[in-house]
Protein backbone atom coordinates (compact mmCIF):
# COMPACT_ATOMS: atom_id res chain seq x y z
CA UNK A 1 24.70 39.09 34.36
CA UNK A 2 27.46 36.58 33.79
CA UNK A 3 28.55 34.57 30.77
CA UNK A 4 30.44 31.32 31.16
CA UNK A 5 32.45 28.94 28.97
CA UNK A 6 34.00 25.60 29.95
CA UNK A 7 36.42 23.29 28.17
CA UNK A 8 37.20 19.85 29.53
CA UNK A 9 39.89 17.23 29.01
CA UNK A 10 42.35 19.58 27.29
CA UNK A 11 45.82 18.00 26.92
CA UNK A 12 47.82 20.64 28.76
CA UNK A 13 49.02 20.38 32.32
CA UNK A 14 47.10 22.58 34.78
CA UNK A 15 50.33 24.17 35.99
CA UNK A 16 51.16 25.45 32.50
CA UNK A 17 47.60 26.61 31.84
CA UNK A 18 47.47 28.53 35.15
CA UNK A 19 50.52 30.59 34.12
CA UNK A 20 48.49 32.04 31.25
CA UNK A 21 45.18 32.20 33.16
CA UNK A 22 46.72 34.36 35.88
CA UNK A 23 47.69 37.00 33.32
CA UNK A 24 44.16 37.64 32.04
CA UNK A 25 42.19 37.45 35.28
CA UNK A 26 40.46 40.80 35.91
CA UNK A 27 41.25 42.26 32.47
CA UNK A 28 38.80 43.76 30.02
CA UNK A 29 37.87 41.25 27.30
CA UNK A 30 39.55 43.16 24.45
CA UNK A 31 42.74 43.55 26.48
CA UNK A 32 42.71 39.87 27.41
CA UNK A 33 42.27 38.80 23.78
CA UNK A 34 45.17 41.02 22.67
CA UNK A 35 47.36 39.62 25.42
CA UNK A 36 46.55 36.05 24.44
CA UNK A 37 46.88 36.65 20.70
CA UNK A 38 50.58 37.56 20.92
CA UNK A 39 51.66 35.17 23.66
CA UNK A 40 53.80 32.23 22.41
CA UNK A 41 52.34 29.58 24.70
CA UNK A 42 50.05 26.65 23.97
CA UNK A 43 47.73 27.66 26.82
CA UNK A 44 47.26 31.11 25.28
CA UNK A 45 45.69 29.64 22.12
CA UNK A 46 43.32 27.49 24.18
CA UNK A 47 42.30 30.34 26.50
CA UNK A 48 41.80 32.76 23.59
CA UNK A 49 39.31 30.37 21.98
CA UNK A 50 37.60 29.95 25.35
CA UNK A 51 37.29 33.72 25.91
CA UNK A 52 35.85 34.11 22.41
CA UNK A 53 33.36 31.34 23.19
CA UNK A 54 32.31 33.06 26.43
CA UNK A 55 31.81 36.35 24.54
CA UNK A 56 29.65 34.52 21.99
CA UNK A 57 27.65 33.02 24.85
CA UNK A 58 27.17 36.51 26.32
CA UNK A 59 26.01 37.92 22.99
CA UNK A 60 23.10 35.46 23.01
CA UNK A 61 21.68 37.24 26.06
CA UNK A 62 20.08 40.59 25.16
CA UNK A 63 20.53 42.02 28.66
CA UNK A 64 24.34 41.82 28.48
CA UNK A 65 26.37 44.58 26.81
CA UNK A 66 29.29 42.77 25.16
CA UNK A 67 31.47 45.91 25.07
CA UNK A 68 31.61 46.17 28.89
CA UNK A 69 32.65 42.58 29.67
CA UNK A 70 35.67 41.70 31.78
CA UNK A 71 37.19 38.42 32.93
CA UNK A 72 35.71 37.86 36.38
CA UNK A 73 36.98 34.34 37.08
CA UNK A 74 39.38 31.95 35.40
CA UNK A 75 40.15 28.66 37.03
CA UNK A 76 42.04 25.63 35.83
CA UNK A 77 41.31 22.28 37.45
CA UNK A 78 43.10 19.02 36.89
CA UNK A 79 41.51 16.50 34.58
CA UNK A 80 42.16 12.79 34.05
CA UNK A 81 45.77 11.68 33.67
CA UNK A 82 47.12 9.31 31.04
CA UNK A 83 49.55 6.93 32.71
CA UNK A 84 52.50 5.82 30.60
CA UNK A 85 55.60 3.74 31.37
CA UNK A 86 59.20 4.65 30.57
CA UNK A 87 61.81 1.87 30.66
CA UNK A 88 64.72 2.48 33.03
CA UNK A 89 67.97 0.74 33.88
CA UNK A 90 68.17 -2.82 35.23
CA UNK A 91 64.66 -3.83 34.15
CA UNK A 92 62.85 -1.16 36.12
CA UNK A 93 60.17 1.24 34.86
CA UNK A 94 59.10 4.78 35.71
CA UNK A 95 55.58 6.13 35.43
CA UNK A 96 54.95 9.19 33.27
CA UNK A 97 51.79 11.16 33.98
CA UNK A 98 50.39 13.02 30.98
CA UNK A 99 48.12 15.55 32.62
CA UNK A 100 44.99 17.20 31.28
CA UNK A 101 42.90 20.17 32.41
CA UNK A 102 39.37 21.47 32.83
CA UNK A 103 39.32 25.25 32.24
CA UNK A 104 36.41 27.58 33.15
CA UNK A 105 36.04 31.28 32.31
CA UNK A 106 33.34 33.55 33.74
CA UNK A 107 32.78 36.99 32.20
CA UNK A 108 30.81 39.78 33.87
CA UNK A 109 29.80 43.36 33.05
CA UNK A 110 31.69 46.32 34.47
């Protein structure tokens, strides 16, 4: 049985979130939470809350043993972008894209 948690429209670029997501893919849940707890990145805080949410979702199902869960899938998709303008020289302007992410975590039993 699988447990899943999704967060959408998080204000972190997908590239930065994938750096953290790649580190916990395939790890046991306790190991993944310890890794995320001591990592000094913004994406680590977001992913830690998401893993805890997926564990809470799994605990609602009686057929899943929470102690044997591992991170089966983590994927980070791009969300909507906020488009901003930065003034440049000689009356020109440059577009700034403030990216956001949709992050999904799937936990499974060993």
